Amino acid sequence: MTRIVIGDSSAVVRSIEKEVISNCRRLSLCGDAATEESFISKISSGAEGFILDADLLKHYTLESTIKHCMKFKIPGIIFTNQETKSLTKPQGIDVIKKPAFSSLSSKQVTELSGLLEKTLEKLKQELLFNGHAKTSQSSDTTEADVVIRSDYKAILVGVSTGGPATLMSLLKSLEGGLKLPVLITQHIDSTYDKNLITWLNANGSMPVQLAENDQGPQPGHVYFAPSDVHLTLAKTETGFKMVLNHDPEVNFLRPSVDKMLFSAAEVLGGQCITVILTGMGADGAQGCLKLKKLGGYTITQDEETCVVYGMPTAAYEAGASMEVLPLERIGGRIKELCEKLK
C-alpha cells in the first residue's frame, strides 16, 4: 500500500477524497491537511505520495507549486482549475483538472479511485526507475532498497494464456545484443512446445530452444521449460545452470512459474529481472515477490495489453510488481536495465 496525504482547504472536498481513497486497493490515507503548514508537516511524517489542491499553497503560482512539490521526492497529483496544456510536468508529478467533487456520483467516485490509483502508480514507477522514490516497510517485511543493478544474471519470464503472440512481441523487442539469457516458463500443452519453438525461431533472430538438463544458459539465447517439466536453476563453479525435474506440481501446474522463480531466488538472489506476462491464475506471484524482496527488478504486464489479466494482477496485488508496463514497453525497459551490466 502507498500511504498518501491529501491537502485541500475544504472539509467537504477532503471528506469526498477520503471516500475515493477508501475505494483504492493500493492506496491508504495517512493524513489530511487543511492548511499549507499542516500539509508540509504531514508530508514529512512518512508519506509515500500526495494529492494536493494547488490553491492550498496560496503563496505559490502553479509552476512554483510544482517545483516546490518536487522537493518531496514522492509521487504526487496536483489538482487545479487553471489551464495545464503548456505546463512542464516533471517526473513523479502530474497536474490534473480538479473534479467537481460536490456533484460526483457513486460511479464517478469509483472511476476517480481507479484514475488516482493508476496515476500515482505510474508516477511512483517514474521515480523508482530513477532511484528517488522511498521504499515502504510493513510490520513483518523490510523490502530491499530499490536500485538499478549492474550485476543481473538472467531474465525470467512467466506466461500462460495468450503467451505465444505476446512472447513473439517481447522477444522481437529484445533483439540486438542482449547481454543476458532469457528463461521462460510458459504453461503449454505437450503437443505444442516444439511447434512454439520452431515458430519463434522462424520469426525472430534470437536463438530459441527447449531447455536441457544441466545446460549453462548463454547470453542472448532464449530457453523454454519443456511441457510437463519444471525448469529450475542450480549453482556451478562459474555461475549457474538449468536443471529440469518432474517434482510435484506447484499451483497445480508443471512447469510452474513459481517453481522457476523460487529456485532462482536461492541461486541468484536479486540478480534477476523478472517479468510476469498475460495468463490465467496466480502462478508466479509469490516467486516474483520473493525476488523483489531480494533486490531483483520485477515487471508485470498491464491490463490493457493482456489477453488474460490474471497472473500479472495476482503479482501486482501481492505487492510483487515494481513496474506495470504495456507489452510494447517491456523490452525497452529490460534493455535499459541491462545498460549498466559489467
Protein backbone atom coordinates (compact mmCIF):
# COMPACT_ATOMS: atom_id res chain seq x y z
CA MET A 1 0.00 0.00 0.00
CA THR A 2 1.15 3.52 -0.82
CA ARG A 3 0.49 5.88 2.10
CA ILE A 4 -0.71 9.28 0.90
CA VAL A 5 -1.58 12.71 2.27
CA ILE A 6 -4.42 14.80 0.85
CA GLY A 7 -4.41 18.59 1.05
CA ASP A 8 -7.46 20.80 0.45
CA SER A 9 -8.87 23.74 2.38
CA SER A 10 -12.44 22.44 2.02
CA ALA A 11 -13.60 19.92 4.62
CA VAL A 12 -16.28 18.72 2.20
CA VAL A 13 -13.74 18.02 -0.55
CA ARG A 14 -11.42 16.24 1.88
CA SER A 15 -14.26 14.00 3.06
CA ILE A 16 -15.07 13.02 -0.55
CA GLU A 17 -11.39 12.45 -1.30
CA LYS A 18 -11.24 10.14 1.71
CA GLU A 19 -14.12 8.13 0.25
CA VAL A 20 -12.32 7.99 -3.09
CA ILE A 21 -9.12 6.73 -1.42
CA SER A 22 -11.06 4.13 0.59
CA ASN A 23 -12.09 2.53 -2.72
CA CYS A 24 -8.46 2.07 -3.79
CA ARG A 25 -6.72 -1.29 -3.38
CA ARG A 26 -3.17 0.10 -3.37
CA LEU A 27 -3.59 3.48 -1.66
CA SER A 28 -4.15 4.25 2.01
CA LEU A 29 -4.64 7.59 3.75
CA CYS A 30 -2.01 8.61 6.29
CA GLY A 31 -3.22 12.19 6.81
CA ASP A 32 -5.24 15.11 5.50
CA ALA A 33 -4.46 18.79 5.72
CA ALA A 34 -6.49 21.99 5.51
CA THR A 35 -3.53 24.38 5.60
CA GLU A 36 -0.16 24.69 3.92
CA GLU A 37 1.67 24.25 7.21
CA SER A 38 -0.25 21.09 8.09
CA PHE A 39 0.30 19.65 4.62
CA ILE A 40 4.08 20.17 4.76
CA SER A 41 4.21 18.68 8.24
CA LYS A 42 2.28 15.54 7.28
CA ILE A 43 4.28 15.06 4.08
CA SER A 44 7.38 14.94 6.28
CA SER A 45 5.93 12.24 8.54
CA GLY A 46 6.32 9.16 6.36
CA ALA A 47 4.02 9.91 3.42
CA GLU A 48 4.74 8.00 0.20
CA GLY A 49 2.52 10.11 -2.06
CA PHE A 50 0.17 13.08 -2.07
CA ILE A 51 -2.92 14.62 -3.66
CA LEU A 52 -2.96 18.40 -3.40
CA ASP A 53 -5.26 21.25 -4.35
CA ALA A 54 -2.90 23.82 -5.90
CA ASP A 55 -4.76 26.65 -4.17
CA LEU A 56 -3.72 25.34 -0.76
CA LEU A 57 -0.20 26.68 -1.31
CA LYS A 58 -1.55 30.21 -1.67
CA HIS A 59 1.86 31.90 -1.76
CA TYR A 60 2.89 29.99 -4.90
CA THR A 61 1.99 30.12 -8.56
CA LEU A 62 1.05 26.77 -10.11
CA GLU A 63 4.51 26.48 -11.65
CA SER A 64 6.27 27.20 -8.36
CA THR A 65 3.90 24.81 -6.56
CA ILE A 66 5.08 22.05 -8.90
CA LYS A 67 8.73 22.91 -8.26
CA HIS A 68 8.10 23.04 -4.52
CA CYS A 69 6.42 19.62 -4.55
CA MET A 70 9.33 18.08 -6.46
CA LYS A 71 11.40 18.56 -3.30
CA PHE A 72 9.31 15.94 -1.50
CA LYS A 73 10.69 13.24 -3.87
CA ILE A 74 7.48 11.24 -3.65
CA PRO A 75 4.79 10.82 -6.34
CA GLY A 76 2.01 13.37 -6.29
CA ILE A 77 -1.09 14.66 -8.07
CA ILE A 78 -1.88 18.37 -8.08
CA PHE A 79 -5.48 19.43 -8.73
CA THR A 80 -6.02 22.79 -10.38
CA ASN A 81 -8.70 24.79 -12.18
CA GLN A 82 -6.08 26.53 -14.31
CA GLU A 83 -5.10 25.71 -17.89
CA THR A 84 -2.45 22.97 -17.89
CA LYS A 85 -1.61 22.33 -21.57
CA SER A 86 1.56 24.44 -21.53
CA LEU A 87 2.84 23.14 -18.20
CA THR A 88 6.04 21.13 -17.96
CA LYS A 89 5.30 18.14 -15.76
CA PRO A 90 8.41 16.70 -14.09
CA GLN A 91 8.88 13.03 -13.30
CA GLY A 92 6.79 11.97 -10.34
CA ILE A 93 4.28 14.85 -10.55
CA ASP A 94 1.05 15.10 -12.55
CA VAL A 95 -1.29 18.07 -12.78
CA ILE A 96 -4.98 17.28 -13.32
CA LYS A 97 -8.08 19.43 -13.70
CA LYS A 98 -9.84 19.41 -10.35
CA PRO A 99 -13.03 17.31 -10.37
CA ALA A 100 -16.36 18.78 -9.28
CA PHE A 101 -16.24 16.85 -6.01
CA SER A 102 -19.55 18.09 -4.65
CA SER A 103 -21.51 16.61 -7.57
CA LEU A 104 -19.73 13.27 -8.07
CA SER A 105 -22.00 10.26 -8.49
CA SER A 106 -21.08 6.93 -6.87
CA LYS A 107 -19.97 5.69 -10.30
CA GLN A 108 -17.74 8.74 -10.76
CA VAL A 109 -16.23 8.20 -7.30
CA THR A 110 -15.28 4.65 -8.34
CA GLU A 111 -13.86 5.88 -11.66
CA LEU A 112 -11.84 8.59 -9.90
CA SER A 113 -10.47 5.99 -7.47
CA GLY A 114 -9.16 3.98 -10.39
CA LEU A 115 -7.68 7.03 -12.10
CA LEU A 116 -5.85 8.26 -8.99
CA GLU A 117 -4.52 4.80 -8.17
CA LYS A 118 -3.26 4.18 -11.70
CA THR A 119 -1.75 7.67 -11.98
CA LEU A 120 0.08 7.51 -8.65
CA GLU A 121 1.39 4.04 -9.50
CA LYS A 122 2.75 5.36 -12.83
CA LEU A 123 4.36 8.34 -11.08
CA LYS A 124 5.84 6.07 -8.43
CA GLN A 125 7.44 3.92 -11.13
CA GLU A 126 8.96 7.02 -12.76
CA LEU A 127 10.69 7.86 -9.50
CA LEU A 128 11.61 4.26 -8.71
CA PHE A 129 13.41 3.83 -12.00
CA ASN A 130 15.41 6.97 -11.39
CA GLY A 131 16.31 5.96 -7.86
CA HIS A 132 14.47 8.67 -5.96
CA ALA A 133 11.36 7.06 -4.53
CA LYS A 134 11.08 5.99 -0.90
CA THR A 135 10.55 2.28 -0.28
CA SER A 136 7.88 1.15 2.16
CA GLN A 137 8.17 -1.17 5.13
CA SER A 138 5.49 -3.46 6.52
CA SER A 139 5.35 -4.81 10.05
CA ASP A 140 6.85 -8.16 9.08
CA THR A 141 8.92 -7.44 5.98
CA THR A 142 11.56 -4.93 5.04
CA GLU A 143 11.77 -4.61 1.27
CA ALA A 144 15.18 -4.36 -0.35
CA ASP A 145 16.23 -0.87 -1.30
CA VAL A 146 15.29 -0.18 -4.89
CA VAL A 147 18.40 0.07 -7.04
CA ILE A 148 19.23 -0.37 -10.69
CA ARG A 149 21.83 -3.10 -10.52
CA SER A 150 24.89 -3.77 -12.65
CA ASP A 151 25.05 -7.49 -11.85
CA TYR A 152 21.91 -9.04 -13.30
CA LYS A 153 22.46 -12.65 -14.42
CA ALA A 154 19.17 -13.66 -16.05
CA ILE A 155 15.79 -12.54 -17.35
CA LEU A 156 12.98 -14.74 -16.04
CA VAL A 157 9.59 -14.74 -17.76
CA GLY A 158 6.33 -16.33 -16.64
CA VAL A 159 3.41 -16.52 -19.06
CA SER A 160 0.30 -18.56 -19.80
CA THR A 161 -2.88 -17.83 -21.77
CA GLY A 162 -2.08 -15.58 -24.73
CA GLY A 163 1.61 -16.40 -24.45
CA PRO A 164 2.81 -17.21 -27.97
CA ALA A 165 1.93 -13.91 -29.65
CA THR A 166 2.92 -12.00 -26.51
CA LEU A 167 6.29 -13.73 -26.38
CA MET A 168 6.91 -13.08 -30.06
CA SER A 169 6.39 -9.38 -29.46
CA LEU A 170 8.62 -9.35 -26.38
CA LEU A 171 11.46 -11.32 -27.97
CA LYS A 172 11.47 -9.14 -31.08
CA SER A 173 11.84 -6.07 -28.86
CA LEU A 174 14.84 -7.69 -27.13
CA GLU A 175 16.77 -8.44 -30.32
CA GLY A 176 20.16 -6.85 -30.80
CA GLY A 177 22.99 -7.78 -28.45
CA LEU A 178 21.12 -8.77 -25.29
CA LYS A 179 23.69 -9.50 -22.58
CA LEU A 180 21.58 -11.92 -20.55
CA PRO A 181 19.89 -15.28 -21.15
CA VAL A 182 16.09 -15.39 -21.12
CA LEU A 183 14.45 -18.28 -19.24
CA ILE A 184 10.73 -18.76 -19.88
CA THR A 185 8.11 -20.88 -18.17
CA GLN A 186 5.05 -20.99 -20.42
CA HIS A 187 2.04 -23.09 -19.48
CA ILE A 188 1.67 -25.09 -22.67
CA ASP A 189 0.23 -28.35 -23.94
CA SER A 190 2.74 -31.15 -24.56
CA THR A 191 1.81 -31.33 -28.24
CA TYR A 192 2.72 -27.71 -28.86
CA ASP A 193 6.00 -26.87 -27.12
CA LYS A 194 8.26 -27.88 -30.01
CA ASN A 195 5.95 -26.17 -32.52
CA LEU A 196 6.18 -22.97 -30.48
CA ILE A 197 9.98 -23.11 -30.51
CA THR A 198 10.02 -23.66 -34.29
CA TRP A 199 7.60 -20.76 -34.86
CA LEU A 200 9.58 -18.33 -32.67
CA ASN A 201 12.87 -19.27 -34.33
CA ALA A 202 11.37 -18.81 -37.79
CA ASN A 203 10.08 -15.33 -36.99
CA GLY A 204 12.86 -13.80 -34.92
CA SER A 205 16.64 -13.52 -34.70
CA MET A 206 17.21 -14.61 -31.09
CA PRO A 207 18.09 -18.33 -30.75
CA VAL A 208 15.20 -20.11 -29.03
CA GLN A 209 15.22 -23.67 -27.69
CA LEU A 210 13.77 -26.01 -25.10
CA ALA A 211 15.99 -26.02 -22.02
CA GLU A 212 18.18 -29.10 -21.49
CA ASN A 213 19.16 -30.61 -18.17
CA ASP A 214 22.48 -29.31 -16.72
CA GLN A 215 22.79 -26.79 -19.56
CA GLY A 216 24.53 -23.48 -18.91
CA PRO A 217 22.44 -20.66 -20.44
CA GLN A 218 24.15 -18.30 -22.89
CA PRO A 219 23.62 -14.53 -23.19
CA GLY A 220 21.16 -13.56 -25.90
CA HIS A 221 19.63 -17.05 -26.01
CA VAL A 222 16.08 -17.98 -25.01
CA TYR A 223 15.27 -21.19 -23.09
CA PHE A 224 11.81 -22.65 -22.50
CA ALA A 225 10.70 -25.11 -19.86
CA PRO A 226 9.59 -28.25 -21.74
CA SER A 227 5.97 -29.27 -21.26
CA ASP A 228 5.27 -31.18 -18.03
CA VAL A 229 8.79 -30.41 -16.71
CA HIS A 230 9.87 -27.83 -14.14
CA LEU A 231 12.73 -25.53 -15.16
CA THR A 232 14.91 -24.70 -12.14
CA LEU A 233 18.40 -23.31 -11.51
CA ALA A 234 21.46 -24.65 -9.72
CA LYS A 235 24.81 -23.08 -8.86
CA THR A 236 28.01 -24.03 -10.65
CA GLU A 237 31.64 -23.01 -10.14
CA THR A 238 31.35 -20.45 -12.94
CA GLY A 239 27.75 -19.28 -12.46
CA PHE A 240 24.57 -21.30 -12.80
CA LYS A 241 22.95 -23.99 -14.90
CA MET A 242 19.42 -25.09 -15.74
CA VAL A 243 18.07 -28.22 -14.09
CA LEU A 244 14.93 -29.99 -15.28
CA ASN A 245 12.83 -32.16 -12.97
CA HIS A 246 9.46 -33.83 -12.51
CA ASP A 247 8.85 -32.64 -8.95
CA PRO A 248 5.18 -32.41 -7.88
CA GLU A 249 3.01 -29.74 -9.45
CA VAL A 250 3.10 -26.25 -7.96
CA ASN A 251 -0.13 -24.25 -8.16
CA PHE A 252 -1.49 -27.42 -9.89
CA LEU A 253 1.00 -26.78 -12.69
CA ARG A 254 4.10 -28.35 -14.17
CA PRO A 255 6.03 -26.44 -15.38
CA SER A 256 5.36 -23.79 -12.77
CA VAL A 257 6.49 -20.17 -12.88
CA ASP A 258 6.78 -20.09 -9.07
CA LYS A 259 8.97 -23.20 -9.14
CA MET A 260 11.38 -21.44 -11.50
CA LEU A 261 11.34 -18.15 -9.58
CA PHE A 262 11.86 -19.62 -6.11
CA SER A 263 14.74 -21.67 -7.49
CA ALA A 264 16.24 -18.51 -9.00
CA ALA A 265 15.86 -16.75 -5.63
CA GLU A 266 18.02 -19.43 -3.99
CA VAL A 267 20.66 -19.44 -6.72
CA LEU A 268 20.80 -15.83 -7.98
CA GLY A 269 19.06 -13.83 -5.27
CA GLY A 270 18.28 -10.35 -6.54
CA GLN A 271 20.38 -10.71 -9.69
CA CYS A 272 17.28 -11.30 -11.81
CA ILE A 273 14.92 -9.27 -13.96
CA THR A 274 11.52 -10.93 -13.63
CA VAL A 275 8.58 -10.39 -15.97
CA ILE A 276 5.04 -11.72 -15.45
CA LEU A 277 3.01 -11.67 -18.65
CA THR A 278 -0.55 -12.49 -19.66
CA GLY A 279 -2.08 -15.61 -18.17
CA MET A 280 -4.83 -17.14 -16.07
CA GLY A 281 -4.41 -17.76 -12.35
CA ALA A 282 -1.77 -16.63 -9.85
CA ASP A 283 1.30 -18.72 -10.74
CA GLY A 284 4.44 -16.61 -10.34
CA ALA A 285 3.08 -14.05 -7.90
CA GLN A 286 4.83 -15.34 -4.77
CA GLY A 287 8.09 -16.12 -6.53
CA CYS A 288 8.07 -12.66 -8.06
CA LEU A 289 7.52 -11.16 -4.60
CA LYS A 290 10.43 -13.16 -3.21
CA LEU A 291 12.78 -11.92 -5.92
CA LYS A 292 11.63 -8.33 -5.43
CA LYS A 293 12.38 -8.53 -1.70
CA LEU A 294 15.86 -9.82 -2.52
CA GLY A 295 16.56 -6.76 -4.67
CA GLY A 296 15.62 -8.00 -8.13
CA TYR A 297 13.67 -5.92 -10.63
CA THR A 298 10.10 -7.06 -11.27
CA ILE A 299 7.78 -6.04 -14.12
CA THR A 300 4.16 -7.01 -14.76
CA GLN A 301 2.24 -6.54 -17.98
CA ASP A 302 -0.63 -4.05 -17.85
CA GLU A 303 -4.28 -4.98 -18.14
CA GLU A 304 -4.87 -3.26 -21.48
CA THR A 305 -2.33 -5.38 -23.38
CA CYS A 306 -3.01 -8.71 -21.66
CA VAL A 307 -5.13 -11.42 -23.23
CA VAL A 308 -5.99 -12.53 -19.67
CA TYR A 309 -5.09 -10.22 -16.80
CA GLY A 310 -4.75 -12.96 -14.20
CA MET A 311 -1.11 -13.70 -13.42
CA PRO A 312 0.03 -10.06 -13.70
CA THR A 313 -2.75 -8.77 -11.46
CA ALA A 314 -2.06 -11.51 -8.88
CA ALA A 315 1.58 -10.41 -8.74
CA TYR A 316 0.57 -6.74 -8.57
CA GLU A 317 -1.92 -7.32 -5.76
CA ALA A 318 0.67 -9.33 -3.83
CA GLY A 319 2.95 -6.28 -3.90
CA ALA A 320 5.40 -8.06 -6.18
CA SER A 321 5.40 -5.63 -9.10
CA MET A 322 7.87 -2.76 -9.19
CA GLU A 323 6.62 -1.61 -12.56
CA VAL A 324 3.44 -2.13 -14.57
CA LEU A 325 4.04 -1.67 -18.30
CA PRO A 326 2.24 -2.25 -21.60
CA LEU A 327 3.72 -5.09 -23.60
CA GLU A 328 5.31 -2.78 -26.17
CA ARG A 329 7.41 -1.06 -23.47
CA ILE A 330 8.67 -4.09 -21.55
CA GLY A 331 11.51 -4.96 -23.93
CA GLY A 332 12.78 -1.40 -23.91
CA ARG A 333 12.76 -1.29 -20.12
CA ILE A 334 14.71 -4.55 -19.93
CA LYS A 335 17.33 -3.12 -22.29
CA GLU A 336 17.60 -0.01 -20.10
CA LEU A 337 18.09 -2.19 -17.04
CA CYS A 338 20.88 -4.04 -18.87
CA GLU A 339 22.77 -0.88 -19.84
CA LYS A 340 24.81 -0.88 -16.63
CA LEU A 341 25.82 -4.53 -16.84
CA LYS A 342 29.54 -5.05 -16.37
